[in-house]
Amino acid sequence: MATWSSRGLRGDTFEEMINVTLDYYRSQNLALIQKIPTPIKPIDIDKETRHITLAYFDQKSTVDYIGAVQGVPVCFDAKECQETSFPLKNIHEHQMEFMKDFEAQGGVSFFLIHFTSIDHIYYVPYTTIVPFWERAARKERMSFTIDELLHEVYYEVPLKKAVYVHFLEALADDLERRDALEEHAKKNNDKG
């Protein structure tokens, strides 16, 4: 059986904080976002307890969470890191592909990254991760540091009493930024 210190349970507390936040958002009619379970195929089931004792992943998962915030489709993945450098091996290619496709359909994709050593949570848009991901694909550097992140688009997520991981303000700021970029691009196209 997996123990608290095992690799398989890393991030459980962070995900539970997010789940409590999502319950609160739903109760306040602010958002409807659900945790997406990783599909598994049971191999062996204990007949007495009816618990799965052996299983394998049936297919690759996409992202941890998907839903809508006030009519805006969102998807995100929750990540935790003990250091001040985030290893990109914690993000999988199929997740990046899903987020890219989600954004192409008009959705908003992002990561919630908890740097446990400094106890800070960041909302990091998918587009912020892309250059780091491409750099890793070129085998130049397989991680990014908090210092590098601070030079890119990101938003700090405050911890509040009723809302542990209150990312809606960060999402609103991100949407404003996206709207401004779209307006700027439209003005440039109109000039040309």
C-alpha atoms as a PDB file:
ATOM      1  CA  MET A   1       0.000   0.000   0.000  1.00  0.00           C
ATOM      2  CA  ALA A   2       1.265   3.491  -0.815  1.00  0.00           C
ATOM      3  CA  THR A   3       2.331   5.581   2.131  1.00  0.00           C
ATOM      4  CA  TRP A   4       2.212   9.341   2.594  1.00  0.00           C
ATOM      5  CA  SER A   5       5.871   9.712   1.649  1.00  0.00           C
ATOM      6  CA  SER A   6       5.515   7.684  -1.522  1.00  0.00           C
ATOM      7  CA  ARG A   7       5.845   9.276  -4.944  1.00  0.00           C
ATOM      8  CA  GLY A   8       2.292   8.248  -5.800  1.00  0.00           C
ATOM      9  CA  LEU A   9       0.734  10.483  -3.155  1.00  0.00           C
ATOM     10  CA  ARG A  10       2.700  13.659  -3.805  1.00  0.00           C
ATOM     11  CA  GLY A  11       0.368  16.570  -4.333  1.00  0.00           C
ATOM     12  CA  ASP A  12      -2.591  14.959  -2.540  1.00  0.00           C
ATOM     13  CA  THR A  13      -2.820  17.799  -0.004  1.00  0.00           C
ATOM     14  CA  PHE A  14      -2.544  20.426  -2.737  1.00  0.00           C
ATOM     15  CA  GLU A  15      -5.213  18.692  -4.805  1.00  0.00           C
ATOM     16  CA  GLU A  16      -7.450  18.432  -1.750  1.00  0.00           C
ATOM     17  CA  MET A  17      -7.033  22.191  -1.189  1.00  0.00           C
ATOM     18  CA  ILE A  18      -8.040  22.744  -4.817  1.00  0.00           C
ATOM     19  CA  ASN A  19     -11.015  20.387  -4.456  1.00  0.00           C
ATOM     20  CA  VAL A  20     -12.270  22.293  -1.382  1.00  0.00           C
ATOM     21  CA  THR A  21     -11.845  25.533  -3.316  1.00  0.00           C
ATOM     22  CA  LEU A  22     -13.824  24.136  -6.249  1.00  0.00           C
ATOM     23  CA  ASP A  23     -16.615  23.023  -3.904  1.00  0.00           C
ATOM     24  CA  TYR A  24     -16.756  26.564  -2.544  1.00  0.00           C
ATOM     25  CA  TYR A  25     -16.775  28.088  -6.048  1.00  0.00           C
ATOM     26  CA  ARG A  26     -19.640  25.787  -7.017  1.00  0.00           C
ATOM     27  CA  SER A  27     -21.651  26.598  -3.873  1.00  0.00           C
ATOM     28  CA  GLN A  28     -21.278  30.304  -4.696  1.00  0.00           C
ATOM     29  CA  ASN A  29     -22.196  29.770  -8.391  1.00  0.00           C
ATOM     30  CA  LEU A  30     -18.788  31.104  -9.424  1.00  0.00           C
ATOM     31  CA  ALA A  31     -17.508  28.067 -11.325  1.00  0.00           C
ATOM     32  CA  LEU A  32     -18.213  24.456 -12.135  1.00  0.00           C
ATOM     33  CA  ILE A  33     -14.944  22.576 -12.424  1.00  0.00           C
ATOM     34  CA  GLN A  34     -14.415  18.866 -11.864  1.00  0.00           C
ATOM     35  CA  LYS A  35     -11.432  16.682 -11.137  1.00  0.00           C
ATOM     36  CA  ILE A  36     -10.841  14.286 -14.004  1.00  0.00           C
ATOM     37  CA  PRO A  37      -9.924  10.808 -12.735  1.00  0.00           C
ATOM     38  CA  THR A  38      -7.156   8.908 -14.459  1.00  0.00           C
ATOM     39  CA  PRO A  39      -8.763   5.954 -16.249  1.00  0.00           C
ATOM     40  CA  ILE A  40      -7.581   2.601 -14.898  1.00  0.00           C
ATOM     41  CA  LYS A  41      -8.272  -0.996 -15.818  1.00  0.00           C
ATOM     42  CA  PRO A  42      -8.634  -3.293 -12.785  1.00  0.00           C
ATOM     43  CA  ILE A  43      -6.655  -6.529 -12.985  1.00  0.00           C
ATOM     44  CA  ASP A  44      -7.264  -8.016  -9.548  1.00  0.00           C
ATOM     45  CA  ILE A  45     -10.045  -7.289  -7.040  1.00  0.00           C
ATOM     46  CA  ASP A  46     -10.058  -8.543  -3.444  1.00  0.00           C
ATOM     47  CA  LYS A  47     -13.289 -10.566  -3.221  1.00  0.00           C
ATOM     48  CA  GLU A  48     -13.812  -9.829   0.489  1.00  0.00           C
ATOM     49  CA  THR A  49     -13.223  -6.073   0.536  1.00  0.00           C
ATOM     50  CA  ARG A  50     -14.110  -5.468  -3.121  1.00  0.00           C
ATOM     51  CA  HIS A  51     -11.051  -3.209  -3.390  1.00  0.00           C
ATOM     52  CA  ILE A  52      -8.895  -3.086  -6.473  1.00  0.00           C
ATOM     53  CA  THR A  53      -5.536  -4.605  -5.563  1.00  0.00           C
ATOM     54  CA  LEU A  54      -3.899  -4.479  -8.983  1.00  0.00           C
ATOM     55  CA  ALA A  55      -4.608  -2.213 -11.938  1.00  0.00           C
ATOM     56  CA  TYR A  56      -2.894  -0.399 -14.770  1.00  0.00           C
ATOM     57  CA  PHE A  57      -3.562   2.926 -16.425  1.00  0.00           C
ATOM     58  CA  ASP A  58      -6.032   2.290 -19.224  1.00  0.00           C
ATOM     59  CA  GLN A  59      -5.041   5.422 -21.129  1.00  0.00           C
ATOM     60  CA  LYS A  60      -3.122   8.641 -20.604  1.00  0.00           C
ATOM     61  CA  SER A  61      -4.968  11.281 -18.652  1.00  0.00           C
ATOM     62  CA  THR A  62      -5.335  14.741 -20.119  1.00  0.00           C
ATOM     63  CA  VAL A  63      -5.400  17.340 -17.352  1.00  0.00           C
ATOM     64  CA  ASP A  64      -6.391  17.246 -13.692  1.00  0.00           C
ATOM     65  CA  TYR A  65      -9.376  19.593 -13.926  1.00  0.00           C
ATOM     66  CA  ILE A  66     -11.838  20.828 -16.532  1.00  0.00           C
ATOM     67  CA  GLY A  67     -14.946  22.979 -16.394  1.00  0.00           C
ATOM     68  CA  ALA A  68     -16.325  26.485 -16.812  1.00  0.00           C
ATOM     69  CA  VAL A  69     -15.971  29.759 -14.959  1.00  0.00           C
ATOM     70  CA  GLN A  70     -18.795  32.215 -15.713  1.00  0.00           C
ATOM     71  CA  GLY A  71     -19.114  30.808 -19.224  1.00  0.00           C
ATOM     72  CA  VAL A  72     -15.375  30.557 -19.898  1.00  0.00           C
ATOM     73  CA  PRO A  73     -14.149  26.998 -20.559  1.00  0.00           C
ATOM     74  CA  VAL A  74     -11.059  26.220 -18.471  1.00  0.00           C
ATOM     75  CA  CYS A  75      -8.732  23.309 -17.979  1.00  0.00           C
ATOM     76  CA  PHE A  76      -5.742  23.096 -15.703  1.00  0.00           C
ATOM     77  CA  ASP A  77      -3.249  20.793 -14.127  1.00  0.00           C
ATOM     78  CA  ALA A  78      -2.039  20.977 -10.529  1.00  0.00           C
ATOM     79  CA  LYS A  79       1.673  20.491  -9.920  1.00  0.00           C
ATOM     80  CA  GLU A  80       3.827  20.566  -6.825  1.00  0.00           C
ATOM     81  CA  CYS A  81       7.544  21.116  -6.559  1.00  0.00           C
ATOM     82  CA  GLN A  82       9.776  20.983  -3.477  1.00  0.00           C
ATOM     83  CA  GLU A  83      12.574  23.044  -5.011  1.00  0.00           C
ATOM     84  CA  THR A  84      12.663  26.513  -6.562  1.00  0.00           C
ATOM     85  CA  SER A  85      13.316  24.915  -9.947  1.00  0.00           C
ATOM     86  CA  PHE A  86      10.395  23.152 -11.624  1.00  0.00           C
ATOM     87  CA  PRO A  87      11.328  19.968 -13.549  1.00  0.00           C
ATOM     88  CA  LEU A  88       9.502  19.870 -16.866  1.00  0.00           C
ATOM     89  CA  LYS A  89       9.432  16.065 -16.737  1.00  0.00           C
ATOM     90  CA  ASN A  90       6.433  16.624 -14.416  1.00  0.00           C
ATOM     91  CA  ILE A  91       4.469  17.849 -17.431  1.00  0.00           C
ATOM     92  CA  HIS A  92       3.715  15.281 -20.092  1.00  0.00           C
ATOM     93  CA  GLU A  93       3.579  15.802 -23.834  1.00  0.00           C
ATOM     94  CA  HIS A  94      -0.038  14.642 -24.085  1.00  0.00           C
ATOM     95  CA  GLN A  95      -0.990  17.263 -21.471  1.00  0.00           C
ATOM     96  CA  MET A  96       0.676  20.030 -23.469  1.00  0.00           C
ATOM     97  CA  GLU A  97      -1.051  18.806 -26.647  1.00  0.00           C
ATOM     98  CA  PHE A  98      -4.434  18.741 -24.911  1.00  0.00           C
ATOM     99  CA  MET A  99      -3.951  22.263 -23.558  1.00  0.00           C
ATOM    100  CA  LYS A 100      -2.887  23.526 -26.979  1.00  0.00           C
ATOM    101  CA  ASP A 101      -6.005  22.011 -28.568  1.00  0.00           C
ATOM    102  CA  PHE A 102      -8.182  23.357 -25.729  1.00  0.00           C
ATOM    103  CA  GLU A 103      -6.855  26.882 -26.291  1.00  0.00           C
ATOM    104  CA  ALA A 104      -7.425  26.520 -30.051  1.00  0.00           C
ATOM    105  CA  GLN A 105     -11.105  25.898 -29.244  1.00  0.00           C
ATOM    106  CA  GLY A 106     -11.311  29.157 -27.265  1.00  0.00           C
ATOM    107  CA  GLY A 107     -10.665  27.718 -23.818  1.00  0.00           C
ATOM    108  CA  VAL A 108      -8.179  28.849 -21.201  1.00  0.00           C
ATOM    109  CA  SER A 109      -5.454  26.399 -20.127  1.00  0.00           C
ATOM    110  CA  PHE A 110      -3.147  26.893 -17.182  1.00  0.00           C
ATOM    111  CA  PHE A 111      -1.121  25.251 -14.446  1.00  0.00           C
ATOM    112  CA  LEU A 112      -1.426  25.794 -10.725  1.00  0.00           C
ATOM    113  CA  ILE A 113       2.087  25.216  -9.401  1.00  0.00           C
ATOM    114  CA  HIS A 114       2.773  24.998  -5.684  1.00  0.00           C
ATOM    115  CA  PHE A 115       6.413  25.617  -4.789  1.00  0.00           C
ATOM    116  CA  THR A 116       6.367  23.999  -1.359  1.00  0.00           C
ATOM    117  CA  SER A 117       9.826  25.198  -0.253  1.00  0.00           C
ATOM    118  CA  ILE A 118       8.595  28.797  -0.273  1.00  0.00           C
ATOM    119  CA  ASP A 119       4.886  27.948   0.093  1.00  0.00           C
ATOM    120  CA  HIS A 120       3.826  29.987  -2.929  1.00  0.00           C
ATOM    121  CA  ILE A 121       1.220  28.997  -5.474  1.00  0.00           C
ATOM    122  CA  TYR A 122       1.342  30.376  -8.992  1.00  0.00           C
ATOM    123  CA  TYR A 123      -1.221  30.455 -11.775  1.00  0.00           C
ATOM    124  CA  VAL A 124       0.887  29.909 -14.894  1.00  0.00           C
ATOM    125  CA  PRO A 125      -0.806  30.167 -18.306  1.00  0.00           C
ATOM    126  CA  TYR A 126      -0.135  27.366 -20.767  1.00  0.00           C
ATOM    127  CA  THR A 127       1.491  29.910 -23.108  1.00  0.00           C
ATOM    128  CA  THR A 128       4.054  30.772 -20.420  1.00  0.00           C
ATOM    129  CA  ILE A 129       5.118  27.120 -20.185  1.00  0.00           C
ATOM    130  CA  VAL A 130       5.481  26.670 -23.977  1.00  0.00           C
ATOM    131  CA  PRO A 131       8.930  28.375 -24.336  1.00  0.00           C
ATOM    132  CA  PHE A 132      10.294  26.409 -21.366  1.00  0.00           C
ATOM    133  CA  TRP A 133       8.842  23.205 -22.866  1.00  0.00           C
ATOM    134  CA  GLU A 134      10.412  23.953 -26.267  1.00  0.00           C
ATOM    135  CA  ARG A 135      13.751  24.686 -24.608  1.00  0.00           C
ATOM    136  CA  ALA A 136      13.594  21.301 -22.858  1.00  0.00           C
ATOM    137  CA  ALA A 137      12.748  19.598 -26.172  1.00  0.00           C
ATOM    138  CA  ARG A 138      15.988  21.050 -27.549  1.00  0.00           C
ATOM    139  CA  LYS A 139      17.781  19.498 -24.524  1.00  0.00           C
ATOM    140  CA  GLU A 140      18.965  22.955 -23.427  1.00  0.00           C
ATOM    141  CA  ARG A 141      17.443  22.938 -19.960  1.00  0.00           C
ATOM    142  CA  MET A 142      14.961  20.506 -18.470  1.00  0.00           C
ATOM    143  CA  SER A 143      13.460  22.863 -15.888  1.00  0.00           C
ATOM    144  CA  PHE A 144      12.659  26.480 -15.162  1.00  0.00           C
ATOM    145  CA  THR A 145      13.379  28.443 -12.019  1.00  0.00           C
ATOM    146  CA  ILE A 146      11.095  30.722 -10.060  1.00  0.00           C
ATOM    147  CA  ASP A 147      13.388  33.591 -11.089  1.00  0.00           C
ATOM    148  CA  GLU A 148      12.780  32.757 -14.761  1.00  0.00           C
ATOM    149  CA  LEU A 149       9.060  32.489 -14.129  1.00  0.00           C
ATOM    150  CA  LEU A 150       9.009  35.949 -12.557  1.00  0.00           C
ATOM    151  CA  HIS A 151      10.117  37.402 -15.910  1.00  0.00           C
ATOM    152  CA  GLU A 152       7.197  35.770 -17.701  1.00  0.00           C
ATOM    153  CA  VAL A 153       3.404  35.943 -17.416  1.00  0.00           C
ATOM    154  CA  TYR A 154       2.266  34.379 -14.153  1.00  0.00           C
ATOM    155  CA  TYR A 155       0.014  35.294 -11.256  1.00  0.00           C
ATOM    156  CA  GLU A 156       0.479  34.591  -7.571  1.00  0.00           C
ATOM    157  CA  VAL A 157      -2.500  32.815  -6.025  1.00  0.00           C
ATOM    158  CA  PRO A 158      -3.414  34.034  -2.542  1.00  0.00           C
ATOM    159  CA  LEU A 159      -4.404  31.704   0.259  1.00  0.00           C
ATOM    160  CA  LYS A 160      -7.633  32.827   1.911  1.00  0.00           C
ATOM    161  CA  LYS A 161      -9.724  31.352   4.709  1.00  0.00           C
ATOM    162  CA  ALA A 162     -12.735  30.017   2.802  1.00  0.00           C
ATOM    163  CA  VAL A 163     -10.873  29.613  -0.469  1.00  0.00           C
ATOM    164  CA  TYR A 164      -7.565  27.787  -0.097  1.00  0.00           C
ATOM    165  CA  VAL A 165      -6.393  28.194  -3.685  1.00  0.00           C
ATOM    166  CA  HIS A 166      -8.251  31.297  -4.874  1.00  0.00           C
ATOM    167  CA  PHE A 167      -7.248  31.317  -8.537  1.00  0.00           C
ATOM    168  CA  LEU A 168     -10.281  33.176  -9.932  1.00  0.00           C
ATOM    169  CA  GLU A 169      -8.618  36.577  -9.524  1.00  0.00           C
ATOM    170  CA  ALA A 170      -5.585  35.297 -11.431  1.00  0.00           C
ATOM    171  CA  LEU A 171      -7.876  33.911 -14.135  1.00  0.00           C
ATOM    172  CA  ALA A 172      -9.626  37.296 -14.410  1.00  0.00           C
ATOM    173  CA  ASP A 173      -6.243  39.033 -14.782  1.00  0.00           C
ATOM    174  CA  ASP A 174      -5.205  36.497 -17.414  1.00  0.00           C
ATOM    175  CA  LEU A 175      -8.448  37.051 -19.354  1.00  0.00           C
ATOM    176  CA  GLU A 176      -7.883  40.826 -19.262  1.00  0.00           C
ATOM    177  CA  ARG A 177      -4.348  40.308 -20.588  1.00  0.00           C
ATOM    178  CA  ARG A 178      -5.622  38.046 -23.367  1.00  0.00           C
ATOM    179  CA  ASP A 179      -8.318  40.564 -24.324  1.00  0.00           C
ATOM    180  CA  ALA A 180      -5.729  43.376 -24.441  1.00  0.00           C
ATOM    181  CA  LEU A 181      -3.429  41.277 -26.634  1.00  0.00           C
ATOM    182  CA  GLU A 182      -6.316  40.431 -28.956  1.00  0.00           C
ATOM    183  CA  GLU A 183      -7.345  44.103 -29.172  1.00  0.00           C
ATOM    184  CA  HIS A 184      -3.749  45.124 -29.874  1.00  0.00           C
ATOM    185  CA  ALA A 185      -3.435  42.498 -32.619  1.00  0.00           C
ATOM    186  CA  LYS A 186      -6.739  43.638 -34.138  1.00  0.00           C
ATOM    187  CA  LYS A 187      -5.576  47.286 -34.214  1.00  0.00           C
ATOM    188  CA  ASN A 188      -2.296  46.253 -35.872  1.00  0.00           C
ATOM    189  CA  ASN A 189      -4.187  44.221 -38.499  1.00  0.00           C
ATOM    190  CA  ASP A 190      -6.517  47.155 -39.200  1.00  0.00           C
ATOM    191  CA  LYS A 191      -3.513  49.436 -39.787  1.00  0.00           C
ATOM    192  CA  GLY A 192      -1.883  47.032 -42.231  1.00  0.00           C
END
